[in-house]
Amino acid sequence: MSYIVRGYFRPGVGEARLKVRPEHIRHVISALPGIVCAGALCGEDGLPRGLFLVLDCEEREQAEAFIANEPYNRAGLLEHWEVEPLIQFAPHPNPGILHEELEKAMKAASRAATG
């Protein structure tokens, strides 16, 4: 069964999120290929306000464990999260997108740590 996992950031965590983002992306990569799709939940301003993932797993507890161990959650950046069963009807054509995002995240985290 598939489960959609949504996590919502606490207000004002922008800089802290950038510092943790490389670890977050590694966490997502470690769960491949069990992730059907994933992305950022954005406000109208285009800035991330949360995250979502669709996980293909046998038990709801596996999806709950994924978000419980999510680096943003462990760092206290998520205000709340939720897990719900999902029936997917349609499926990133770029299989290297996460590695590209990891590179960007590592650069941004480095800038945030020194700035």
PDB file of N, CA and C in Angstrom:
ATOM      1  N   MET A   1       0.844  -1.181   0.000  1.00  0.00           N
ATOM      2  CA  MET A   1       0.000   0.000   0.000  1.00  0.00           C
ATOM      3  C   MET A   1       0.885   1.238   0.000  1.00  0.00           C
ATOM      4  N   SER A   2       0.371   2.313  -0.543  1.00  0.00           N
ATOM      5  CA  SER A   2       1.082   3.592  -0.525  1.00  0.00           C
ATOM      6  C   SER A   2       0.522   4.476   0.577  1.00  0.00           C
ATOM      7  N   TYR A   3       1.418   5.262   1.165  1.00  0.00           N
ATOM      8  CA  TYR A   3       1.043   6.227   2.199  1.00  0.00           C
ATOM      9  C   TYR A   3       1.621   7.575   1.821  1.00  0.00           C
ATOM     10  N   ILE A   4       0.814   8.626   1.985  1.00  0.00           N
ATOM     11  CA  ILE A   4       1.329   9.969   1.794  1.00  0.00           C
ATOM     12  C   ILE A   4       1.714  10.506   3.169  1.00  0.00           C
ATOM     13  N   VAL A   5       2.914  11.053   3.223  1.00  0.00           N
ATOM     14  CA  VAL A   5       3.461  11.625   4.450  1.00  0.00           C
ATOM     15  C   VAL A   5       3.637  13.111   4.198  1.00  0.00           C
ATOM     16  N   ARG A   6       3.035  13.921   5.047  1.00  0.00           N
ATOM     17  CA  ARG A   6       3.189  15.370   4.936  1.00  0.00           C
ATOM     18  C   ARG A   6       3.736  15.895   6.248  1.00  0.00           C
ATOM     19  N   GLY A   7       4.731  16.796   6.138  1.00  0.00           N
ATOM     20  CA  GLY A   7       5.285  17.473   7.304  1.00  0.00           C
ATOM     21  C   GLY A   7       5.281  18.966   7.051  1.00  0.00           C
ATOM     22  N   TYR A   8       4.926  19.735   8.070  1.00  0.00           N
ATOM     23  CA  TYR A   8       4.808  21.188   7.930  1.00  0.00           C
ATOM     24  C   TYR A   8       5.814  21.876   8.846  1.00  0.00           C
ATOM     25  N   PHE A   9       6.600  22.793   8.250  1.00  0.00           N
ATOM     26  CA  PHE A   9       7.645  23.485   9.002  1.00  0.00           C
ATOM     27  C   PHE A   9       7.071  24.462  10.023  1.00  0.00           C
ATOM     28  N   ARG A  10       7.804  24.626  11.112  1.00  0.00           N
ATOM     29  CA  ARG A  10       7.503  25.690  12.068  1.00  0.00           C
ATOM     30  C   ARG A  10       7.816  27.012  11.383  1.00  0.00           C
ATOM     31  N   PRO A  11       7.132  28.085  11.739  1.00  0.00           N
ATOM     32  CA  PRO A  11       7.449  29.394  11.150  1.00  0.00           C
ATOM     33  C   PRO A  11       8.889  29.808  11.457  1.00  0.00           C
ATOM     34  N   GLY A  12       9.535  30.437  10.491  1.00  0.00           N
ATOM     35  CA  GLY A  12      10.858  31.020  10.690  1.00  0.00           C
ATOM     36  C   GLY A  12      12.028  30.057  10.740  1.00  0.00           C
ATOM     37  N   VAL A  13      11.913  28.887  10.124  1.00  0.00           N
ATOM     38  CA  VAL A  13      13.003  27.906  10.188  1.00  0.00           C
ATOM     39  C   VAL A  13      13.864  27.894   8.926  1.00  0.00           C
ATOM     40  N   GLY A  14      13.768  28.940   8.100  1.00  0.00           N
ATOM     41  CA  GLY A  14      14.453  28.957   6.811  1.00  0.00           C
ATOM     42  C   GLY A  14      15.935  28.633   6.863  1.00  0.00           C
ATOM     43  N   GLU A  15      16.699  29.358   7.671  1.00  0.00           N
ATOM     44  CA  GLU A  15      18.151  29.125   7.765  1.00  0.00           C
ATOM     45  C   GLU A  15      18.454  27.745   8.340  1.00  0.00           C
ATOM     46  N   ALA A  16      17.746  27.379   9.387  1.00  0.00           N
ATOM     47  CA  ALA A  16      17.964  26.065  10.003  1.00  0.00           C
ATOM     48  C   ALA A  16      17.644  24.952   9.011  1.00  0.00           C
ATOM     49  N   ARG A  17      16.612  25.146   8.206  1.00  0.00           N
ATOM     50  CA  ARG A  17      16.239  24.138   7.207  1.00  0.00           C
ATOM     51  C   ARG A  17      17.365  23.930   6.208  1.00  0.00           C
ATOM     52  N   LEU A  18      17.988  25.041   5.771  1.00  0.00           N
ATOM     53  CA  LEU A  18      19.092  24.927   4.812  1.00  0.00           C
ATOM     54  C   LEU A  18      20.258  24.136   5.389  1.00  0.00           C
ATOM     55  N   LYS A  19      20.521  24.296   6.666  1.00  0.00           N
ATOM     56  CA  LYS A  19      21.626  23.574   7.306  1.00  0.00           C
ATOM     57  C   LYS A  19      21.350  22.076   7.378  1.00  0.00           C
ATOM     58  N   VAL A  20      20.096  21.709   7.543  1.00  0.00           N
ATOM     59  CA  VAL A  20      19.714  20.298   7.702  1.00  0.00           C
ATOM     60  C   VAL A  20      19.392  19.639   6.361  1.00  0.00           C
ATOM     61  N   ARG A  21      19.175  20.430   5.324  1.00  0.00           N
ATOM     62  CA  ARG A  21      18.694  19.899   4.042  1.00  0.00           C
ATOM     63  C   ARG A  21      19.562  18.779   3.453  1.00  0.00           C
ATOM     64  N   PRO A  22      20.901  18.880   3.488  1.00  0.00           N
ATOM     65  CA  PRO A  22      21.674  17.749   2.945  1.00  0.00           C
ATOM     66  C   PRO A  22      21.355  16.425   3.647  1.00  0.00           C
ATOM     67  N   GLU A  23      21.216  16.477   4.982  1.00  0.00           N
ATOM     68  CA  GLU A  23      20.883  15.261   5.724  1.00  0.00           C
ATOM     69  C   GLU A  23      19.477  14.770   5.339  1.00  0.00           C
ATOM     70  N   HIS A  24      18.554  15.714   5.141  1.00  0.00           N
ATOM     71  CA  HIS A  24      17.193  15.363   4.703  1.00  0.00           C
ATOM     72  C   HIS A  24      17.239  14.640   3.353  1.00  0.00           C
ATOM     73  N   ILE A  25      17.996  15.192   2.396  1.00  0.00           N
ATOM     74  CA  ILE A  25      18.054  14.577   1.066  1.00  0.00           C
ATOM     75  C   ILE A  25      18.703  13.199   1.142  1.00  0.00           C
ATOM     76  N   ARG A  26      19.734  13.044   1.971  1.00  0.00           N
ATOM     77  CA  ARG A  26      20.340  11.712   2.159  1.00  0.00           C
ATOM     78  C   ARG A  26      19.302  10.721   2.701  1.00  0.00           C
ATOM     79  N   HIS A  27      18.481  11.191   3.634  1.00  0.00           N
ATOM     80  CA  HIS A  27      17.431  10.339   4.210  1.00  0.00           C
ATOM     81  C   HIS A  27      16.463   9.883   3.115  1.00  0.00           C
ATOM     82  N   VAL A  28      16.087  10.802   2.238  1.00  0.00           N
ATOM     83  CA  VAL A  28      15.193  10.457   1.130  1.00  0.00           C
ATOM     84  C   VAL A  28      15.876   9.457   0.199  1.00  0.00           C
ATOM     85  N   ILE A  29      17.133   9.730  -0.165  1.00  0.00           N
ATOM     86  CA  ILE A  29      17.872   8.822  -1.052  1.00  0.00           C
ATOM     87  C   ILE A  29      17.946   7.420  -0.449  1.00  0.00           C
ATOM     88  N   SER A  30      18.143   7.341   0.870  1.00  0.00           N
ATOM     89  CA  SER A  30      18.269   6.028   1.517  1.00  0.00           C
ATOM     90  C   SER A  30      16.980   5.210   1.422  1.00  0.00           C
ATOM     91  N   ALA A  31      15.865   5.877   1.210  1.00  0.00           N
ATOM     92  CA  ALA A  31      14.580   5.173   1.143  1.00  0.00           C
ATOM     93  C   ALA A  31      14.181   4.793  -0.280  1.00  0.00           C
ATOM     94  N   LEU A  32      14.974   5.193  -1.272  1.00  0.00           N
ATOM     95  CA  LEU A  32      14.681   4.798  -2.648  1.00  0.00           C
ATOM     96  C   LEU A  32      14.930   3.305  -2.784  1.00  0.00           C
ATOM     97  N   PRO A  33      14.187   2.552  -3.532  1.00  0.00           N
ATOM     98  CA  PRO A  33      13.120   2.922  -4.451  1.00  0.00           C
ATOM     99  C   PRO A  33      11.730   2.898  -3.828  1.00  0.00           C
ATOM    100  N   GLY A  34      11.635   2.844  -2.510  1.00  0.00           N
ATOM    101  CA  GLY A  34      10.323   2.798  -1.870  1.00  0.00           C
ATOM    102  C   GLY A  34       9.549   4.103  -1.917  1.00  0.00           C
ATOM    103  N   ILE A  35      10.196   5.168  -2.391  1.00  0.00           N
ATOM    104  CA  ILE A  35       9.504   6.448  -2.517  1.00  0.00           C
ATOM    105  C   ILE A  35       8.929   6.543  -3.920  1.00  0.00           C
ATOM    106  N   VAL A  36       7.636   6.668  -3.996  1.00  0.00           N
ATOM    107  CA  VAL A  36       6.948   6.776  -5.276  1.00  0.00           C
ATOM    108  C   VAL A  36       7.143   8.171  -5.842  1.00  0.00           C
ATOM    109  N   CYS A  37       6.974   9.184  -5.011  1.00  0.00           N
ATOM    110  CA  CYS A  37       7.236  10.571  -5.391  1.00  0.00           C
ATOM    111  C   CYS A  37       7.416  11.382  -4.116  1.00  0.00           C
ATOM    112  N   ALA A  38       8.054  12.539  -4.258  1.00  0.00           N
ATOM    113  CA  ALA A  38       8.325  13.394  -3.103  1.00  0.00           C
ATOM    114  C   ALA A  38       8.529  14.813  -3.586  1.00  0.00           C
ATOM    115  N   GLY A  39       8.360  15.765  -2.703  1.00  0.00           N
ATOM    116  CA  GLY A  39       8.579  17.156  -3.078  1.00  0.00           C
ATOM    117  C   GLY A  39       8.350  18.095  -1.917  1.00  0.00           C
ATOM    118  N   ALA A  40       8.451  19.380  -2.233  1.00  0.00           N
ATOM    119  CA  ALA A  40       8.239  20.433  -1.243  1.00  0.00           C
ATOM    120  C   ALA A  40       6.812  20.951  -1.348  1.00  0.00           C
ATOM    121  N   LEU A  41       6.219  21.229  -0.219  1.00  0.00           N
ATOM    122  CA  LEU A  41       4.947  21.944  -0.168  1.00  0.00           C
ATOM    123  C   LEU A  41       5.308  23.417  -0.049  1.00  0.00           C
ATOM    124  N   CYS A  42       4.851  24.236  -0.990  1.00  0.00           N
ATOM    125  CA  CYS A  42       5.256  25.643  -1.032  1.00  0.00           C
ATOM    126  C   CYS A  42       4.071  26.565  -0.813  1.00  0.00           C
ATOM    127  N   GLY A  43       4.380  27.734  -0.243  1.00  0.00           N
ATOM    128  CA  GLY A  43       3.384  28.781  -0.128  1.00  0.00           C
ATOM    129  C   GLY A  43       3.255  29.497  -1.459  1.00  0.00           C
ATOM    130  N   GLU A  44       2.335  30.431  -1.534  1.00  0.00           N
ATOM    131  CA  GLU A  44       2.142  31.208  -2.759  1.00  0.00           C
ATOM    132  C   GLU A  44       3.396  31.986  -3.135  1.00  0.00           C
ATOM    133  N   ASP A  45       4.274  32.266  -2.161  1.00  0.00           N
ATOM    134  CA  ASP A  45       5.529  32.978  -2.420  1.00  0.00           C
ATOM    135  C   ASP A  45       6.598  32.063  -3.012  1.00  0.00           C
ATOM    136  N   GLY A  46       6.279  30.776  -3.151  1.00  0.00           N
ATOM    137  CA  GLY A  46       7.224  29.820  -3.713  1.00  0.00           C
ATOM    138  C   GLY A  46       8.198  29.244  -2.705  1.00  0.00           C
ATOM    139  N   LEU A  47       8.130  29.670  -1.454  1.00  0.00           N
ATOM    140  CA  LEU A  47       9.045  29.172  -0.427  1.00  0.00           C
ATOM    141  C   LEU A  47       8.485  27.907   0.216  1.00  0.00           C
ATOM    142  N   PRO A  48       9.369  26.950   0.534  1.00  0.00           N
ATOM    143  CA  PRO A  48       8.906  25.711   1.154  1.00  0.00           C
ATOM    144  C   PRO A  48       8.238  25.973   2.501  1.00  0.00           C
ATOM    145  N   ARG A  49       7.090  25.345   2.699  1.00  0.00           N
ATOM    146  CA  ARG A  49       6.416  25.402   3.990  1.00  0.00           C
ATOM    147  C   ARG A  49       6.259  24.002   4.580  1.00  0.00           C
ATOM    148  N   GLY A  50       6.732  23.023   3.803  1.00  0.00           N
ATOM    149  CA  GLY A  50       6.646  21.655   4.267  1.00  0.00           C
ATOM    150  C   GLY A  50       7.143  20.689   3.214  1.00  0.00           C
ATOM    151  N   LEU A  51       6.895  19.421   3.451  1.00  0.00           N
ATOM    152  CA  LEU A  51       7.340  18.370   2.535  1.00  0.00           C
ATOM    153  C   LEU A  51       6.258  17.311   2.421  1.00  0.00           C
ATOM    154  N   PHE A  52       6.348  16.555   1.336  1.00  0.00           N
ATOM    155  CA  PHE A  52       5.469  15.397   1.198  1.00  0.00           C
ATOM    156  C   PHE A  52       6.249  14.280   0.531  1.00  0.00           C
ATOM    157  N   LEU A  53       5.859  13.068   0.846  1.00  0.00           N
ATOM    158  CA  LEU A  53       6.405  11.883   0.198  1.00  0.00           C
ATOM    159  C   LEU A  53       5.283  10.876   0.067  1.00  0.00           C
ATOM    160  N   VAL A  54       5.325  10.131  -1.004  1.00  0.00           N
ATOM    161  CA  VAL A  54       4.450   8.972  -1.130  1.00  0.00           C
ATOM    162  C   VAL A  54       5.362   7.763  -1.016  1.00  0.00           C
ATOM    163  N   LEU A  55       5.129   6.974   0.012  1.00  0.00           N
ATOM    164  CA  LEU A  55       5.947   5.793   0.289  1.00  0.00           C
ATOM    165  C   LEU A  55       5.156   4.533  -0.025  1.00  0.00           C
ATOM    166  N   ASP A  56       5.810   3.611  -0.687  1.00  0.00           N
ATOM    167  CA  ASP A  56       5.221   2.306  -0.938  1.00  0.00           C
ATOM    168  C   ASP A  56       5.755   1.372   0.140  1.00  0.00           C
ATOM    169  N   CYS A  57       4.912   1.028   1.093  1.00  0.00           N
ATOM    170  CA  CYS A  57       5.357   0.162   2.184  1.00  0.00           C
ATOM    171  C   CYS A  57       4.195  -0.725   2.633  1.00  0.00           C
ATOM    172  N   GLU A  58       4.539  -1.782   3.330  1.00  0.00           N
ATOM    173  CA  GLU A  58       3.532  -2.756   3.728  1.00  0.00           C
ATOM    174  C   GLU A  58       2.689  -2.290   4.902  1.00  0.00           C
ATOM    175  N   GLU A  59       3.300  -1.558   5.809  1.00  0.00           N
ATOM    176  CA  GLU A  59       2.612  -1.157   7.034  1.00  0.00           C
ATOM    177  C   GLU A  59       2.687   0.349   7.239  1.00  0.00           C
ATOM    178  N   ARG A  60       1.638   0.921   7.785  1.00  0.00           N
ATOM    179  CA  ARG A  60       1.600   2.343   8.116  1.00  0.00           C
ATOM    180  C   ARG A  60       2.773   2.713   9.037  1.00  0.00           C
ATOM    181  N   GLU A  61       3.125   1.799   9.931  1.00  0.00           N
ATOM    182  CA  GLU A  61       4.204   2.048  10.880  1.00  0.00           C
ATOM    183  C   GLU A  61       5.528   2.347  10.177  1.00  0.00           C
ATOM    184  N   GLN A  62       5.740   1.771   8.992  1.00  0.00           N
ATOM    185  CA  GLN A  62       6.963   2.056   8.232  1.00  0.00           C
ATOM    186  C   GLN A  62       6.978   3.511   7.779  1.00  0.00           C
ATOM    187  N   ALA A  63       5.848   4.021   7.326  1.00  0.00           N
ATOM    188  CA  ALA A  63       5.751   5.428   6.919  1.00  0.00           C
ATOM    189  C   ALA A  63       5.922   6.338   8.131  1.00  0.00           C
ATOM    190  N   GLU A  64       5.330   5.957   9.253  1.00  0.00           N
ATOM    191  CA  GLU A  64       5.474   6.752  10.473  1.00  0.00           C
ATOM    192  C   GLU A  64       6.924   6.758  10.953  1.00  0.00           C
ATOM    193  N   ALA A  65       7.616   5.629  10.826  1.00  0.00           N
ATOM    194  CA  ALA A  65       9.031   5.568  11.214  1.00  0.00           C
ATOM    195  C   ALA A  65       9.876   6.448  10.306  1.00  0.00           C
ATOM    196  N   PHE A  66       9.532   6.493   9.015  1.00  0.00           N
ATOM    197  CA  PHE A  66      10.286   7.334   8.092  1.00  0.00           C
ATOM    198  C   PHE A  66      10.220   8.792   8.526  1.00  0.00           C
ATOM    199  N   ILE A  67       9.021   9.300   8.818  1.00  0.00           N
ATOM    200  CA  ILE A  67       8.897  10.714   9.187  1.00  0.00           C
ATOM    201  C   ILE A  67       9.418  10.955  10.603  1.00  0.00           C
ATOM    202  N   ALA A  68       9.296   9.988  11.490  1.00  0.00           N
ATOM    203  CA  ALA A  68       9.844  10.150  12.841  1.00  0.00           C
ATOM    204  C   ALA A  68      11.359  10.307  12.784  1.00  0.00           C
ATOM    205  N   ASN A  69      12.003   9.631  11.836  1.00  0.00           N
ATOM    206  CA  ASN A  69      13.458   9.700  11.678  1.00  0.00           C
ATOM    207  C   ASN A  69      13.903  10.746  10.671  1.00  0.00           C
ATOM    208  N   GLU A  70      12.965  11.467  10.076  1.00  0.00           N
ATOM    209  CA  GLU A  70      13.274  12.527   9.110  1.00  0.00           C
ATOM    210  C   GLU A  70      14.137  13.588   9.804  1.00  0.00           C
ATOM    211  N   PRO A  71      15.292  13.948   9.216  1.00  0.00           N
ATOM    212  CA  PRO A  71      16.177  14.930   9.847  1.00  0.00           C
ATOM    213  C   PRO A  71      15.509  16.261  10.192  1.00  0.00           C
ATOM    214  N   TYR A  72      14.607  16.751   9.359  1.00  0.00           N
ATOM    215  CA  TYR A  72      13.887  17.986   9.711  1.00  0.00           C
ATOM    216  C   TYR A  72      13.077  17.785  10.992  1.00  0.00           C
ATOM    217  N   ASN A  73      12.481  16.625  11.139  1.00  0.00           N
ATOM    218  CA  ASN A  73      11.689  16.331  12.331  1.00  0.00           C
ATOM    219  C   ASN A  73      12.598  16.189  13.552  1.00  0.00           C
ATOM    220  N   ARG A  74      13.684  15.434  13.424  1.00  0.00           N
ATOM    221  CA  ARG A  74      14.614  15.246  14.542  1.00  0.00           C
ATOM    222  C   ARG A  74      15.233  16.559  14.994  1.00  0.00           C
ATOM    223  N   ALA A  75      15.394  17.518  14.049  1.00  0.00           N
ATOM    224  CA  ALA A  75      15.959  18.832  14.384  1.00  0.00           C
ATOM    225  C   ALA A  75      14.905  19.782  14.960  1.00  0.00           C
ATOM    226  N   GLY A  76      13.669  19.320  15.076  1.00  0.00           N
ATOM    227  CA  GLY A  76      12.611  20.144  15.646  1.00  0.00           C
ATOM    228  C   GLY A  76      12.055  21.189  14.696  1.00  0.00           C
ATOM    229  N   LEU A  77      12.263  21.000  13.388  1.00  0.00           N
ATOM    230  CA  LEU A  77      11.821  21.992  12.412  1.00  0.00           C
ATOM    231  C   LEU A  77      10.384  21.778  11.945  1.00  0.00           C
ATOM    232  N   LEU A  78       9.831  20.601  12.186  1.00  0.00           N
ATOM    233  CA  LEU A  78       8.452  20.337  11.767  1.00  0.00           C
ATOM    234  C   LEU A  78       7.488  20.685  12.897  1.00  0.00           C
ATOM    235  N   GLU A  79       6.495  21.474  12.552  1.00  0.00           N
ATOM    236  CA  GLU A  79       5.448  21.828  13.512  1.00  0.00           C
ATOM    237  C   GLU A  79       4.536  20.629  13.753  1.00  0.00           C
ATOM    238  N   HIS A  80       4.181  19.948  12.670  1.00  0.00           N
ATOM    239  CA  HIS A  80       3.418  18.709  12.779  1.00  0.00           C
ATOM    240  C   HIS A  80       3.560  17.912  11.484  1.00  0.00           C
ATOM    241  N   TRP A  81       3.175  16.639  11.566  1.00  0.00           N
ATOM    242  CA  TRP A  81       3.214  15.783  10.391  1.00  0.00           C
ATOM    243  C   TRP A  81       2.026  14.837  10.445  1.00  0.00           C
ATOM    244  N   GLU A  82       1.740  14.240   9.279  1.00  0.00           N
ATOM    245  CA  GLU A  82       0.616  13.315   9.185  1.00  0.00           C
ATOM    246  C   GLU A  82       0.913  12.238   8.147  1.00  0.00           C
ATOM    247  N   VAL A  83       0.309  11.099   8.338  1.00  0.00           N
ATOM    248  CA  VAL A  83       0.453   9.956   7.430  1.00  0.00           C
ATOM    249  C   VAL A  83      -0.951   9.466   7.095  1.00  0.00           C
ATOM    250  N   GLU A  84      -1.215   9.272   5.797  1.00  0.00           N
ATOM    251  CA  GLU A  84      -2.519   8.769   5.370  1.00  0.00           C
ATOM    252  C   GLU A  84      -2.331   7.756   4.244  1.00  0.00           C
ATOM    253  N   PRO A  85      -3.200   6.741   4.172  1.00  0.00           N
ATOM    254  CA  PRO A  85      -3.166   5.829   3.033  1.00  0.00           C
ATOM    255  C   PRO A  85      -3.471   6.598   1.750  1.00  0.00           C
ATOM    256  N   LEU A  86      -2.876   6.152   0.640  1.00  0.00           N
ATOM    257  CA  LEU A  86      -3.063   6.834  -0.637  1.00  0.00           C
ATOM    258  C   LEU A  86      -3.223   5.809  -1.749  1.00  0.00           C
ATOM    259  N   ILE A  87      -4.152   6.071  -2.629  1.00  0.00           N
ATOM    260  CA  ILE A  87      -4.270   5.305  -3.866  1.00  0.00           C
ATOM    261  C   ILE A  87      -3.790   6.226  -4.976  1.00  0.00           C
ATOM    262  N   GLN A  88      -2.684   5.867  -5.620  1.00  0.00           N
ATOM    263  CA  GLN A  88      -2.074   6.711  -6.654  1.00  0.00           C
ATOM    264  C   GLN A  88      -2.635   6.370  -8.025  1.00  0.00           C
ATOM    265  N   PHE A  89      -2.951   7.423  -8.803  1.00  0.00           N
ATOM    266  CA  PHE A  89      -3.467   7.207 -10.149  1.00  0.00           C
ATOM    267  C   PHE A  89      -2.462   7.592 -11.230  1.00  0.00           C
ATOM    268  N   ALA A  90      -1.566   8.484 -10.980  1.00  0.00           N
ATOM    269  CA  ALA A  90      -0.588   8.887 -11.998  1.00  0.00           C
ATOM    270  C   ALA A  90       0.795   9.105 -11.368  1.00  0.00           C
ATOM    271  N   PRO A  91       2.064   8.761 -12.114  1.00  0.00           N
ATOM    272  CA  PRO A  91       3.378   9.031 -11.553  1.00  0.00           C
ATOM    273  C   PRO A  91       3.905  10.391 -11.869  1.00  0.00           C
ATOM    274  N   HIS A  92       9.668  12.103 -11.441  1.00  0.00           N
ATOM    275  CA  HIS A  92      10.487  13.099 -12.133  1.00  0.00           C
ATOM    276  C   HIS A  92      11.244  12.332 -13.214  1.00  0.00           C
ATOM    277  N   PRO A  93      10.925  12.798 -14.359  1.00  0.00           N
ATOM    278  CA  PRO A  93      11.577  12.119 -15.454  1.00  0.00           C
ATOM    279  C   PRO A  93      13.090  12.080 -15.315  1.00  0.00           C
ATOM    280  N   ASN A  94      13.650  12.923 -14.498  1.00  0.00           N
ATOM    281  CA  ASN A  94      15.098  12.993 -14.313  1.00  0.00           C
ATOM    282  C   ASN A  94      15.494  12.117 -13.129  1.00  0.00           C
ATOM    283  N   PRO A  95      16.084  10.942 -13.376  1.00  0.00           N
ATOM    284  CA  PRO A  95      16.439  10.057 -12.271  1.00  0.00           C
ATOM    285  C   PRO A  95      17.564  10.592 -11.388  1.00  0.00           C
ATOM    286  N   GLY A  96      18.303  11.600 -11.848  1.00  0.00           N
ATOM    287  CA  GLY A  96      19.399  12.165 -11.056  1.00  0.00           C
ATOM    288  C   GLY A  96      19.020  13.402 -10.273  1.00  0.00           C
ATOM    289  N   ILE A  97      17.723  13.726 -10.209  1.00  0.00           N
ATOM    290  CA  ILE A  97      17.298  14.977  -9.590  1.00  0.00           C
ATOM    291  C   ILE A  97      17.718  15.080  -8.125  1.00  0.00           C
ATOM    292  N   LEU A  98      17.640  13.995  -7.363  1.00  0.00           N
ATOM    293  CA  LEU A  98      18.003  14.071  -5.947  1.00  0.00           C
ATOM    294  C   LEU A  98      19.487  14.330  -5.755  1.00  0.00           C
ATOM    295  N   HIS A  99      20.319  13.753  -6.589  1.00  0.00           N
ATOM    296  CA  HIS A  99      21.755  14.007  -6.477  1.00  0.00           C
ATOM    297  C   HIS A  99      22.079  15.448  -6.853  1.00  0.00           C
ATOM    298  N   GLU A 100      21.375  15.997  -7.847  1.00  0.00           N
ATOM    299  CA  GLU A 100      21.552  17.407  -8.207  1.00  0.00           C
ATOM    300  C   GLU A 100      21.112  18.308  -7.058  1.00  0.00           C
ATOM    301  N   GLU A 101      19.994  17.977  -6.431  1.00  0.00           N
ATOM    302  CA  GLU A 101      19.500  18.765  -5.303  1.00  0.00           C
ATOM    303  C   GLU A 101      20.432  18.652  -4.101  1.00  0.00           C
ATOM    304  N   LEU A 102      21.030  17.472  -3.897  1.00  0.00           N
ATOM    305  CA  LEU A 102      21.984  17.304  -2.798  1.00  0.00           C
ATOM    306  C   LEU A 102      23.175  18.228  -2.988  1.00  0.00           C
ATOM    307  N   GLU A 103      23.689  18.321  -4.202  1.00  0.00           N
ATOM    308  CA  GLU A 103      24.806  19.235  -4.487  1.00  0.00           C
ATOM    309  C   GLU A 103      24.423  20.672  -4.156  1.00  0.00           C
ATOM    310  N   LYS A 104      23.248  21.101  -4.610  1.00  0.00           N
ATOM    311  CA  LYS A 104      22.773  22.457  -4.322  1.00  0.00           C
ATOM    312  C   LYS A 104      22.603  22.663  -2.820  1.00  0.00           C
ATOM    313  N   ALA A 105      22.039  21.667  -2.143  1.00  0.00           N
ATOM    314  CA  ALA A 105      21.792  21.770  -0.709  1.00  0.00           C
ATOM    315  C   ALA A 105      23.088  21.859   0.078  1.00  0.00           C
ATOM    316  N   MET A 106      24.099  21.094  -0.335  1.00  0.00           N
ATOM    317  CA  MET A 106      25.386  21.132   0.361  1.00  0.00           C
ATOM    318  C   MET A 106      26.034  22.504   0.213  1.00  0.00           C
ATOM    319  N   LYS A 107      25.930  23.110  -0.962  1.00  0.00           N
ATOM    320  CA  LYS A 107      26.474  24.452  -1.174  1.00  0.00           C
ATOM    321  C   LYS A 107      25.724  25.473  -0.326  1.00  0.00           C
ATOM    322  N   ALA A 108      24.396  25.390  -0.308  1.00  0.00           N
ATOM    323  CA  ALA A 108      23.591  26.326   0.481  1.00  0.00           C
ATOM    324  C   ALA A 108      23.853  26.150   1.974  1.00  0.00           C
ATOM    325  N   ALA A 109      24.006  24.903   2.427  1.00  0.00           N
ATOM    326  CA  ALA A 109      24.288  24.648   3.840  1.00  0.00           C
ATOM    327  C   ALA A 109      25.643  25.210   4.225  1.00  0.00           C
ATOM    328  N   SER A 110      26.608  25.088   3.336  1.00  0.00           N
ATOM    329  CA  SER A 110      27.942  25.634   3.593  1.00  0.00           C
ATOM    330  C   SER A 110      27.885  27.150   3.716  1.00  0.00           C
ATOM    331  N   ARG A 111      27.137  27.784   2.810  1.00  0.00           N
ATOM    332  CA  ARG A 111      26.978  29.243   2.878  1.00  0.00           C
ATOM    333  C   ARG A 111      26.263  29.649   4.161  1.00  0.00           C
ATOM    334  N   ALA A 112      25.219  28.907   4.544  1.00  0.00           N
ATOM    335  CA  ALA A 112      24.451  29.231   5.745  1.00  0.00           C
ATOM    336  C   ALA A 112      25.303  29.069   7.001  1.00  0.00           C
ATOM    337  N   ALA A 113      26.184  28.075   6.997  1.00  0.00           N
ATOM    338  CA  ALA A 113      27.030  27.826   8.167  1.00  0.00           C
ATOM    339  C   ALA A 113      28.109  28.890   8.338  1.00  0.00           C
ATOM    340  N   THR A 114      28.535  29.486   7.241  1.00  0.00           N
ATOM    341  CA  THR A 114      29.600  30.495   7.328  1.00  0.00           C
ATOM    342  C   THR A 114      29.049  31.911   7.352  1.00  0.00           C
ATOM    343  N   GLY A 115      27.757  32.078   7.078  1.00  0.00           N
ATOM    344  CA  GLY A 115      27.157  33.409   6.996  1.00  0.00           C
ATOM    345  C   GLY A 115      26.372  33.740   8.169  1.00  0.00           C
TER     346      GLY A 115
END
